[in-house]
């Protein structure tokens, strides 16, 4: 298996076929820093769905993933992979 690196806008994958853009979310319902800003600039639904998921607490836990379809062939994977937020 070989890893290929591609430079460009991660919110605009260039490959044909289905695409999943995976990013790490925190487990406290906070959305507004880092890569999510680029996601939110292009699509509103991933933030909306993440916040609704947090509010419901239905399966909202570390290691869980929420898939949000944003285009016919593109999904955003909101992956809960960060516990809390730590500031310096």
N, C-alpha and C. Protein backbone atom coordinates (compact mmCIF):
# COMPACT_ATOMS: atom_id res chain seq x y z
N UNK A 1 0.84 -1.17 0.00
CA UNK A 1 0.00 0.00 0.00
C UNK A 1 0.89 1.24 0.00
N UNK A 2 0.46 2.24 -0.71
CA UNK A 2 1.24 3.46 -0.87
C UNK A 2 0.40 4.67 -0.45
N UNK A 3 0.99 5.59 0.26
CA UNK A 3 0.32 6.83 0.64
C UNK A 3 0.66 7.89 -0.38
N UNK A 4 -0.35 8.55 -0.91
CA UNK A 4 -0.15 9.66 -1.83
C UNK A 4 -0.57 10.94 -1.16
N UNK A 5 0.26 11.95 -1.23
CA UNK A 5 -0.05 13.25 -0.66
C UNK A 5 -0.47 14.19 -1.78
N UNK A 6 -1.58 14.89 -1.54
CA UNK A 6 -2.10 15.84 -2.51
C UNK A 6 -2.24 17.19 -1.84
N UNK A 7 -1.74 18.22 -2.45
CA UNK A 7 -1.89 19.57 -1.91
C UNK A 7 -3.15 20.20 -2.48
N UNK A 8 -3.80 21.02 -1.65
CA UNK A 8 -5.00 21.70 -2.12
C UNK A 8 -5.96 21.97 -0.99
N UNK A 9 -7.18 22.30 -1.36
CA UNK A 9 -8.24 22.61 -0.41
C UNK A 9 -8.91 21.31 0.02
N UNK A 10 -8.82 20.99 1.30
CA UNK A 10 -9.38 19.73 1.80
C UNK A 10 -10.90 19.69 1.70
N UNK A 11 -11.55 20.84 1.55
CA UNK A 11 -13.00 20.86 1.39
C UNK A 11 -13.42 20.71 -0.07
N UNK A 12 -12.44 20.56 -0.96
CA UNK A 12 -12.73 20.38 -2.38
C UNK A 12 -11.91 19.23 -2.95
N UNK A 13 -12.18 17.98 -2.50
CA UNK A 13 -11.41 16.85 -3.01
C UNK A 13 -11.60 16.70 -4.52
N UNK A 14 -10.54 16.33 -5.21
CA UNK A 14 -10.56 16.29 -6.67
C UNK A 14 -10.75 14.90 -7.26
N UNK A 15 -10.71 13.88 -6.46
CA UNK A 15 -10.87 12.52 -6.97
C UNK A 15 -12.31 12.26 -7.37
N UNK A 16 -12.49 11.36 -8.31
CA UNK A 16 -13.83 10.96 -8.74
C UNK A 16 -14.43 9.99 -7.73
N UNK A 17 -15.74 9.90 -7.70
CA UNK A 17 -16.41 8.94 -6.83
C UNK A 17 -16.75 9.52 -5.47
N UNK A 18 -17.18 8.63 -4.58
CA UNK A 18 -17.58 9.05 -3.24
C UNK A 18 -16.39 9.50 -2.42
N UNK A 19 -16.64 10.53 -1.59
CA UNK A 19 -15.58 11.09 -0.75
C UNK A 19 -16.10 11.30 0.67
N UNK A 20 -15.24 11.04 1.65
CA UNK A 20 -15.55 11.32 3.05
C UNK A 20 -14.44 12.22 3.58
N UNK A 21 -14.84 13.38 4.06
CA UNK A 21 -13.89 14.31 4.68
C UNK A 21 -14.02 14.12 6.18
N UNK A 22 -12.98 13.57 6.79
CA UNK A 22 -13.00 13.23 8.21
C UNK A 22 -12.26 14.30 9.00
N UNK A 23 -12.84 14.71 10.11
CA UNK A 23 -12.15 15.66 11.00
C UNK A 23 -12.50 15.33 12.44
N UNK A 24 -11.69 15.82 13.35
CA UNK A 24 -11.87 15.54 14.78
C UNK A 24 -12.70 16.64 15.43
N UNK A 25 -13.69 16.22 16.20
CA UNK A 25 -14.51 17.12 17.00
C UNK A 25 -14.26 16.85 18.48
N UNK A 26 -14.58 17.83 19.31
CA UNK A 26 -14.46 17.64 20.75
C UNK A 26 -15.75 17.03 21.31
N UNK A 27 -15.70 16.64 22.58
CA UNK A 27 -16.88 16.02 23.21
C UNK A 27 -17.66 16.97 24.10
N UNK A 28 -17.49 18.29 23.89
CA UNK A 28 -18.23 19.26 24.71
C UNK A 28 -19.16 20.14 23.87
N UNK A 29 -19.35 19.78 22.62
CA UNK A 29 -20.29 20.50 21.78
C UNK A 29 -19.79 21.81 21.21
N UNK A 30 -18.51 22.08 21.33
CA UNK A 30 -17.94 23.35 20.83
C UNK A 30 -17.52 23.19 19.37
N UNK A 31 -17.94 24.14 18.55
CA UNK A 31 -17.63 24.15 17.11
C UNK A 31 -17.27 25.58 16.77
N UNK A 32 -16.06 25.85 16.28
CA UNK A 32 -15.74 27.23 15.94
C UNK A 32 -14.27 27.55 15.81
N UNK A 33 -13.40 26.58 15.88
CA UNK A 33 -11.96 26.81 15.71
C UNK A 33 -11.38 25.74 14.80
N UNK A 34 -10.31 26.09 14.11
CA UNK A 34 -9.59 25.12 13.30
C UNK A 34 -10.28 24.80 11.99
N UNK A 35 -10.15 23.54 11.57
CA UNK A 35 -10.64 23.10 10.26
C UNK A 35 -12.14 23.25 10.10
N UNK A 36 -12.88 23.21 11.22
CA UNK A 36 -14.34 23.35 11.10
C UNK A 36 -14.74 24.70 10.51
N UNK A 37 -13.87 25.68 10.61
CA UNK A 37 -14.18 26.99 10.03
C UNK A 37 -14.24 26.88 8.50
N UNK A 38 -13.35 26.11 7.91
CA UNK A 38 -13.38 25.90 6.45
C UNK A 38 -14.60 25.08 6.06
N UNK A 39 -14.93 24.08 6.87
CA UNK A 39 -16.12 23.28 6.60
C UNK A 39 -17.37 24.15 6.66
N UNK A 40 -17.48 24.96 7.71
CA UNK A 40 -18.66 25.82 7.90
C UNK A 40 -18.78 26.89 6.82
N UNK A 41 -17.66 27.32 6.30
CA UNK A 41 -17.70 28.32 5.23
C UNK A 41 -18.34 27.75 3.97
N UNK A 42 -18.13 26.46 3.74
CA UNK A 42 -18.63 25.83 2.52
C UNK A 42 -20.01 25.19 2.70
N UNK A 43 -20.24 24.60 3.89
CA UNK A 43 -21.49 23.90 4.16
C UNK A 43 -21.96 24.20 5.58
N UNK A 44 -23.23 24.44 5.77
CA UNK A 44 -23.79 24.75 7.10
C UNK A 44 -24.25 23.49 7.84
N UNK A 45 -24.63 22.47 7.11
CA UNK A 45 -25.24 21.29 7.70
C UNK A 45 -24.34 20.52 8.69
N UNK A 46 -23.03 20.35 8.45
CA UNK A 46 -22.22 19.61 9.43
C UNK A 46 -22.24 20.23 10.83
N UNK A 47 -22.14 21.54 10.95
CA UNK A 47 -22.20 22.19 12.27
C UNK A 47 -23.57 22.01 12.88
N UNK A 48 -24.60 22.20 12.08
CA UNK A 48 -25.98 22.07 12.56
C UNK A 48 -26.22 20.66 13.10
N UNK A 49 -25.79 19.65 12.35
CA UNK A 49 -25.98 18.26 12.77
C UNK A 49 -25.15 17.91 14.00
N UNK A 50 -23.91 18.41 14.06
CA UNK A 50 -23.04 18.16 15.22
C UNK A 50 -23.67 18.74 16.48
N UNK A 51 -24.15 19.98 16.41
CA UNK A 51 -24.76 20.63 17.58
C UNK A 51 -26.04 19.92 18.01
N UNK A 52 -26.84 19.47 17.05
CA UNK A 52 -28.05 18.72 17.38
C UNK A 52 -27.70 17.38 18.02
N UNK A 53 -26.65 16.74 17.51
CA UNK A 53 -26.19 15.47 18.08
C UNK A 53 -25.74 15.67 19.52
N UNK A 54 -24.96 16.72 19.78
CA UNK A 54 -24.50 17.02 21.13
C UNK A 54 -25.69 17.26 22.05
N UNK A 55 -26.64 18.05 21.58
CA UNK A 55 -27.82 18.39 22.39
C UNK A 55 -28.63 17.14 22.75
N UNK A 56 -28.77 16.23 21.80
CA UNK A 56 -29.54 15.01 22.04
C UNK A 56 -28.80 14.02 22.94
N UNK A 57 -27.46 14.05 22.90
CA UNK A 57 -26.59 13.11 23.62
C UNK A 57 -26.83 11.66 23.19
N UNK A 58 -27.52 11.44 22.09
CA UNK A 58 -27.81 10.11 21.58
C UNK A 58 -26.57 9.53 20.90
N UNK A 59 -25.79 8.76 21.65
CA UNK A 59 -24.58 8.16 21.10
C UNK A 59 -23.42 9.13 20.97
N UNK A 60 -23.54 10.32 21.57
CA UNK A 60 -22.48 11.33 21.49
C UNK A 60 -21.42 11.01 22.52
N UNK A 61 -20.31 10.39 22.06
CA UNK A 61 -19.25 9.96 22.97
C UNK A 61 -17.94 9.82 22.20
N UNK A 62 -16.83 9.84 22.93
CA UNK A 62 -15.52 9.65 22.30
C UNK A 62 -15.52 8.39 21.44
N UNK A 63 -14.99 8.51 20.24
CA UNK A 63 -14.88 7.38 19.32
C UNK A 63 -16.05 7.23 18.37
N UNK A 64 -17.12 7.96 18.59
CA UNK A 64 -18.29 7.87 17.72
C UNK A 64 -18.13 8.81 16.52
N UNK A 65 -18.84 8.49 15.44
CA UNK A 65 -18.75 9.27 14.20
C UNK A 65 -20.16 9.53 13.68
N UNK A 66 -20.34 10.75 13.21
CA UNK A 66 -21.60 11.16 12.57
C UNK A 66 -21.28 11.52 11.13
N UNK A 67 -22.00 10.92 10.19
CA UNK A 67 -21.79 11.21 8.77
C UNK A 67 -22.88 12.15 8.28
N UNK A 68 -22.46 13.26 7.67
CA UNK A 68 -23.39 14.26 7.16
C UNK A 68 -23.14 14.42 5.66
N UNK A 69 -24.15 14.12 4.87
CA UNK A 69 -23.99 14.26 3.42
C UNK A 69 -24.12 15.73 3.06
N UNK A 70 -23.10 16.24 2.33
CA UNK A 70 -23.09 17.66 1.95
C UNK A 70 -23.19 17.87 0.45
N UNK A 71 -22.92 16.83 -0.33
CA UNK A 71 -23.07 16.84 -1.79
C UNK A 71 -23.46 15.44 -2.20
N UNK A 72 -23.82 15.25 -3.45
CA UNK A 72 -24.26 13.93 -3.91
C UNK A 72 -23.24 12.84 -3.61
N UNK A 73 -21.96 13.18 -3.70
CA UNK A 73 -20.90 12.19 -3.53
C UNK A 73 -19.92 12.53 -2.40
N UNK A 74 -20.33 13.43 -1.50
CA UNK A 74 -19.42 13.89 -0.45
C UNK A 74 -20.10 13.93 0.91
N UNK A 75 -19.42 13.36 1.90
CA UNK A 75 -19.90 13.35 3.28
C UNK A 75 -18.84 13.97 4.18
N UNK A 76 -19.28 14.58 5.26
CA UNK A 76 -18.40 15.04 6.33
C UNK A 76 -18.56 14.06 7.47
N UNK A 77 -17.44 13.56 8.00
CA UNK A 77 -17.46 12.67 9.16
C UNK A 77 -17.06 13.47 10.38
N UNK A 78 -18.04 13.77 11.23
CA UNK A 78 -17.78 14.44 12.51
C UNK A 78 -17.37 13.37 13.51
N UNK A 79 -16.06 13.22 13.75
CA UNK A 79 -15.55 12.18 14.62
C UNK A 79 -15.21 12.75 16.00
N UNK A 80 -15.87 12.21 17.04
CA UNK A 80 -15.60 12.67 18.39
C UNK A 80 -14.30 12.01 18.85
N UNK A 81 -13.22 12.79 18.78
CA UNK A 81 -11.90 12.25 19.10
C UNK A 81 -11.08 13.12 20.02
N UNK A 82 -11.72 14.13 20.62
CA UNK A 82 -11.00 15.04 21.52
C UNK A 82 -11.83 15.22 22.78
N UNK A 83 -11.21 14.98 23.94
CA UNK A 83 -11.89 15.17 25.23
C UNK A 83 -11.64 16.59 25.73
N UNK A 84 -12.72 17.32 25.87
CA UNK A 84 -12.70 18.71 26.34
C UNK A 84 -11.87 19.60 25.43
N UNK A 85 -11.58 20.79 25.92
CA UNK A 85 -10.71 21.75 25.20
C UNK A 85 -9.73 22.29 26.23
N UNK A 86 -8.46 22.27 25.90
CA UNK A 86 -7.44 22.77 26.80
C UNK A 86 -6.80 24.01 26.21
N UNK A 87 -6.74 25.05 26.98
CA UNK A 87 -6.13 26.29 26.51
C UNK A 87 -4.80 26.49 27.21
N UNK A 88 -3.86 27.06 26.47
CA UNK A 88 -2.53 27.35 27.04
C UNK A 88 -2.58 28.59 27.90
